[in-house]
């Protein structure tokens, strides 16, 4: 089995925390395939043939003269022939069967990604998870159309998450930001893809993609800069962004903190 992520040819069978059977790549550890097993309890109708022994008098009995010599009746005196008949019947026999079928591991890989996301972040609200899901599906969809490697998808989703940690997605397009993250990942991987090709595959205008590329680049640059100041004014914008507060609340909180 060939891994669609790293093209490795070796896999290993494993079991998830929920008891599902999966096949992981021996090189990158991603889920290649998932197997679902189902138990079946059936009653199979089986023909059963058993012998039925009967004693029949095949020969006519010859009358014997009665003798009263004081001897009891002979218990070994033959009374007839023993004939075996075939008793054929239908008997339901219980059977325990188990069937399994395999399918792509992309859904299991999606679940694994979001399990890592929920365990590594403190903000696990439904809106944040929904935005991450929309971005992930957008990146996977566009990458499948363009024929990109899965490592580029993972890096693009990581860029999207880093940008979301420093900005608020309110009144902003999640699909456009995810597409911009994919463009950045494609450029870092030096893949020969034009912005027009990505725009057609993502169904997002080039102008909007360029706008979100600037937002993504600015936020990633801010995250890459070391914060050496202990001033509240330096940290307050990031906290207010994570809490999805407006600009006036940010200014007021900064003023109160510096009193």
Protein backbone atom coordinates (compact mmCIF):
# COMPACT_ATOMS: atom_id res chain seq x y z
CA UNK A 1 0.00 0.00 0.00
CA UNK A 2 1.45 3.33 -1.09
CA UNK A 3 1.11 6.35 1.17
CA UNK A 4 -0.57 9.29 -0.63
CA UNK A 5 1.27 11.74 1.64
CA UNK A 6 4.94 10.74 1.42
CA UNK A 7 4.81 7.93 -1.22
CA UNK A 8 6.23 5.38 1.22
CA UNK A 9 5.38 1.75 0.52
CA UNK A 10 5.23 0.38 4.08
CA UNK A 11 2.29 0.64 6.43
CA UNK A 12 1.38 -0.70 9.83
CA UNK A 13 -1.92 -1.69 11.39
CA UNK A 14 -3.01 0.19 14.49
CA UNK A 15 -6.06 0.78 16.64
CA UNK A 16 -7.32 4.22 17.59
CA UNK A 17 -8.47 5.31 21.04
CA UNK A 18 -12.06 4.64 20.00
CA UNK A 19 -11.28 1.06 18.95
CA UNK A 20 -11.26 1.54 15.18
CA UNK A 21 -8.77 -0.32 13.01
CA UNK A 22 -6.60 1.88 10.79
CA UNK A 23 -3.53 1.55 8.60
CA UNK A 24 -0.82 4.11 9.26
CA UNK A 25 2.16 5.01 7.13
CA UNK A 26 5.37 3.60 8.56
CA UNK A 27 7.28 6.70 7.48
CA UNK A 28 5.12 9.78 8.21
CA UNK A 29 2.56 8.22 10.58
CA UNK A 30 -0.50 9.53 8.73
CA UNK A 31 -3.66 7.48 8.34
CA UNK A 32 -3.78 5.77 4.94
CA UNK A 33 -6.88 3.63 5.25
CA UNK A 34 -9.56 2.83 7.78
CA UNK A 35 -11.30 -0.49 8.25
CA UNK A 36 -14.79 -0.87 9.59
CA UNK A 37 -15.88 -4.25 10.93
CA UNK A 38 -19.46 -5.39 11.41
CA UNK A 39 -20.71 -8.46 13.23
CA UNK A 40 -23.54 -10.58 11.85
CA UNK A 41 -25.59 -13.08 13.86
CA UNK A 42 -27.29 -15.52 11.50
CA UNK A 43 -29.14 -18.83 11.68
CA UNK A 44 -28.16 -21.13 8.85
CA UNK A 45 -30.70 -23.80 7.91
CA UNK A 46 -28.76 -27.03 7.69
CA UNK A 47 -30.03 -30.41 6.56
CA UNK A 48 -29.48 -33.02 9.24
CA UNK A 49 -29.65 -36.73 8.47
CA UNK A 50 -29.91 -39.02 11.52
CA UNK A 51 -30.52 -42.76 11.61
CA UNK A 52 -33.79 -43.98 13.07
CA UNK A 53 -33.71 -47.60 14.20
CA UNK A 54 -36.96 -49.58 14.28
CA UNK A 55 -37.73 -53.24 14.93
CA UNK A 56 -39.92 -54.74 12.24
CA UNK A 57 -41.27 -58.21 11.78
CA UNK A 58 -40.18 -58.86 8.23
CA UNK A 59 -40.88 -62.63 8.47
CA UNK A 60 -44.21 -64.10 9.51
CA UNK A 61 -44.05 -65.50 12.98
CA UNK A 62 -44.36 -69.29 13.20
CA UNK A 63 -46.64 -70.42 15.99
CA UNK A 64 -44.72 -72.46 18.48
CA UNK A 65 -46.29 -75.08 20.70
CA UNK A 66 -46.62 -73.94 24.24
CA UNK A 67 -44.44 -75.86 26.63
CA UNK A 68 -44.85 -75.47 30.32
CA UNK A 69 -41.66 -76.98 31.59
CA UNK A 70 -41.20 -74.37 34.24
CA UNK A 71 -38.58 -72.39 32.28
CA UNK A 72 -39.14 -68.66 31.94
CA UNK A 73 -39.53 -67.09 28.58
CA UNK A 74 -36.20 -66.79 26.72
CA UNK A 75 -35.21 -63.10 26.61
CA UNK A 76 -32.90 -63.73 23.64
CA UNK A 77 -35.61 -65.17 21.48
CA UNK A 78 -35.63 -63.18 18.22
CA UNK A 79 -38.75 -61.15 17.71
CA UNK A 80 -37.91 -59.52 14.37
CA UNK A 81 -35.30 -57.65 12.32
CA UNK A 82 -33.77 -54.25 13.25
CA UNK A 83 -34.11 -51.82 10.32
CA UNK A 84 -32.45 -48.36 10.19
CA UNK A 85 -34.41 -45.59 8.51
CA UNK A 86 -33.07 -42.16 7.50
CA UNK A 87 -34.62 -39.30 9.44
CA UNK A 88 -33.98 -36.11 7.40
CA UNK A 89 -34.80 -32.74 8.94
CA UNK A 90 -33.94 -29.01 8.62
CA UNK A 91 -32.19 -27.65 11.71
CA UNK A 92 -31.33 -23.92 12.21
CA UNK A 93 -27.67 -23.61 13.23
CA UNK A 94 -26.41 -20.34 14.79
CA UNK A 95 -23.46 -18.70 13.03
CA UNK A 96 -21.24 -15.76 14.00
CA UNK A 97 -19.92 -13.88 10.98
CA UNK A 98 -17.78 -10.76 10.71
CA UNK A 99 -17.36 -8.62 7.62
CA UNK A 100 -15.06 -5.66 7.04
CA UNK A 101 -14.47 -3.08 4.35
CA UNK A 102 -11.75 -0.48 3.90
CA UNK A 103 -12.04 3.12 2.79
CA UNK A 104 -9.81 6.15 2.53
CA UNK A 105 -8.22 7.46 5.70
CA UNK A 106 -8.80 11.14 4.91
CA UNK A 107 -11.69 11.37 7.36
CA UNK A 108 -9.64 9.73 10.11
CA UNK A 109 -6.75 12.07 9.29
CA UNK A 110 -9.15 15.02 9.62
CA UNK A 111 -10.30 13.78 13.01
CA UNK A 112 -6.70 13.30 14.12
CA UNK A 113 -5.81 16.83 13.02
CA UNK A 114 -8.67 18.36 14.97
CA UNK A 115 -7.93 16.25 18.03
CA UNK A 116 -4.42 17.69 18.03
CA UNK A 117 -5.89 21.15 17.45
CA UNK A 118 -8.31 20.89 20.38
CA UNK A 119 -5.61 19.54 22.70
CA UNK A 120 -3.08 22.24 21.81
CA UNK A 121 -5.35 25.28 22.01
CA UNK A 122 -7.39 26.69 24.85
CA UNK A 123 -10.02 28.30 22.63
CA UNK A 124 -12.20 25.43 21.51
CA UNK A 125 -15.48 27.23 20.91
CA UNK A 126 -17.83 25.98 18.24
CA UNK A 127 -17.23 29.01 16.01
CA UNK A 128 -13.45 28.53 16.10
CA UNK A 129 -13.74 24.83 15.30
CA UNK A 130 -16.17 25.59 12.49
CA UNK A 131 -13.77 28.15 10.98
CA UNK A 132 -10.92 25.65 11.18
CA UNK A 133 -13.05 22.97 9.53
CA UNK A 134 -14.06 25.30 6.70
CA UNK A 135 -10.44 26.31 6.15
CA UNK A 136 -9.22 22.71 6.20
CA UNK A 137 -11.80 21.58 3.65
CA UNK A 138 -11.06 24.59 1.46
CA UNK A 139 -7.33 23.83 1.46
CA UNK A 140 -7.86 20.11 0.77
CA UNK A 141 -10.34 20.86 -2.03
CA UNK A 142 -8.12 23.36 -3.82
CA UNK A 143 -5.02 21.20 -3.35
CA UNK A 144 -6.77 18.17 -4.84
CA UNK A 145 -7.77 20.20 -7.90
CA UNK A 146 -4.24 21.50 -8.37
CA UNK A 147 -2.63 18.13 -7.62
CA UNK A 148 -0.52 19.41 -4.73
CA UNK A 149 1.31 17.34 -2.15
CA UNK A 150 -0.33 16.76 1.20
CA UNK A 151 2.62 18.29 3.04
CA UNK A 152 1.77 21.61 1.41
CA UNK A 153 -1.79 21.26 2.72
CA UNK A 154 -0.55 20.64 6.25
CA UNK A 155 1.75 23.64 6.10
CA UNK A 156 -1.00 25.85 4.69
CA UNK A 157 -3.37 24.83 7.47
CA UNK A 158 -0.66 25.55 10.03
CA UNK A 159 -0.20 29.03 8.53
CA UNK A 160 -3.94 29.59 8.73
CA UNK A 161 -3.98 28.59 12.40
CA UNK A 162 -1.04 30.87 13.19
CA UNK A 163 -2.78 33.77 11.49
CA UNK A 164 -6.04 33.07 13.32
CA UNK A 165 -4.21 33.18 16.65
CA UNK A 166 -3.21 36.77 15.95
CA UNK A 167 -6.27 38.15 14.18
CA UNK A 168 -10.04 38.09 14.44
CA UNK A 169 -12.05 36.38 11.68
CA UNK A 170 -15.18 38.39 12.31
CA UNK A 171 -16.47 39.95 9.04
CA UNK A 172 -13.69 38.20 7.13
CA UNK A 173 -13.77 35.38 4.62
CA UNK A 174 -12.42 32.12 5.99
CA UNK A 175 -12.15 30.59 2.51
CA UNK A 176 -10.15 33.56 1.20
CA UNK A 177 -7.75 33.47 4.15
CA UNK A 178 -7.32 29.70 3.75
CA UNK A 179 -6.61 30.19 0.04
CA UNK A 180 -4.05 32.88 0.89
CA UNK A 181 -2.37 30.48 3.32
CA UNK A 182 -2.27 27.86 0.57
CA UNK A 183 -0.69 30.39 -1.81
CA UNK A 184 1.98 31.14 0.79
CA UNK A 185 2.66 27.43 1.32
CA UNK A 186 2.90 26.90 -2.45
CA UNK A 187 5.41 29.74 -2.75
CA UNK A 188 7.52 28.34 0.09
CA UNK A 189 7.49 24.90 -1.54
CA UNK A 190 8.40 26.53 -4.90
CA UNK A 191 5.59 24.83 -6.75
CA UNK A 192 4.90 26.18 -10.28
CA UNK A 193 1.37 27.45 -9.69
CA UNK A 194 0.09 30.86 -10.74
CA UNK A 195 -2.32 33.00 -8.79
CA UNK A 196 -4.83 32.69 -11.63
CA UNK A 197 -4.83 28.89 -11.41
CA UNK A 198 -5.35 29.01 -7.66
CA UNK A 199 -8.11 31.61 -8.03
CA UNK A 200 -10.01 29.44 -10.52
CA UNK A 201 -9.61 26.31 -8.39
CA UNK A 202 -10.67 28.09 -5.20
CA UNK A 203 -13.46 30.12 -6.85
CA UNK A 204 -12.12 33.24 -5.11
CA UNK A 205 -11.23 36.44 -7.01
CA UNK A 206 -7.53 37.20 -7.39
CA UNK A 207 -8.01 40.66 -5.87
CA UNK A 208 -9.48 39.18 -2.68
CA UNK A 209 -6.72 36.57 -2.47
CA UNK A 210 -4.11 39.33 -2.77
CA UNK A 211 -5.82 41.28 0.00
CA UNK A 212 -5.69 38.33 2.38
CA UNK A 213 -2.12 37.51 1.39
CA UNK A 214 -1.15 40.93 2.74
CA UNK A 215 -3.11 40.30 5.97
CA UNK A 216 -1.49 36.89 6.34
CA UNK A 217 2.00 38.24 5.72
CA UNK A 218 1.54 41.07 8.20
CA UNK A 219 0.26 38.80 10.98
CA UNK A 220 2.93 36.20 10.42
CA UNK A 221 5.57 38.92 10.53
CA UNK A 222 4.16 40.19 13.83
CA UNK A 223 4.26 36.69 15.27
CA UNK A 224 7.86 36.21 14.19
CA UNK A 225 9.03 39.34 15.99
CA UNK A 226 10.20 38.81 19.59
CA UNK A 227 8.24 40.70 22.24
CA UNK A 228 10.70 42.14 24.72
CA UNK A 229 8.51 44.81 26.24
CA UNK A 230 6.45 44.25 29.36
CA UNK A 231 4.10 47.09 28.53
CA UNK A 232 0.37 46.35 28.59
CA UNK A 233 -0.05 48.26 25.33
CA UNK A 234 2.10 45.66 23.58
CA UNK A 235 0.16 42.61 24.76
CA UNK A 236 -3.35 44.06 24.87
CA UNK A 237 -4.06 43.97 21.10
CA UNK A 238 -3.32 40.25 20.97
CA UNK A 239 -5.54 39.51 23.99
CA UNK A 240 -8.40 41.59 22.62
CA UNK A 241 -8.07 39.86 19.26
CA UNK A 242 -8.32 36.42 20.86
CA UNK A 243 -11.36 37.57 22.83
CA UNK A 244 -12.88 39.12 19.66
CA UNK A 245 -13.24 42.58 21.24
CA UNK A 246 -13.60 45.75 19.19
CA UNK A 247 -11.13 48.63 18.98
CA UNK A 248 -12.83 50.81 21.59
CA UNK A 249 -12.73 48.00 24.17
CA UNK A 250 -9.04 47.51 23.40
CA UNK A 251 -8.26 51.20 23.93
CA UNK A 252 -10.25 51.29 27.16
CA UNK A 253 -8.60 48.13 28.51
CA UNK A 254 -5.15 49.50 27.68
CA UNK A 255 -5.94 52.79 29.42
CA UNK A 256 -7.22 51.02 32.54
CA UNK A 257 -4.22 48.70 32.65
CA UNK A 258 -1.71 51.53 32.46
CA UNK A 259 -3.27 53.51 35.32
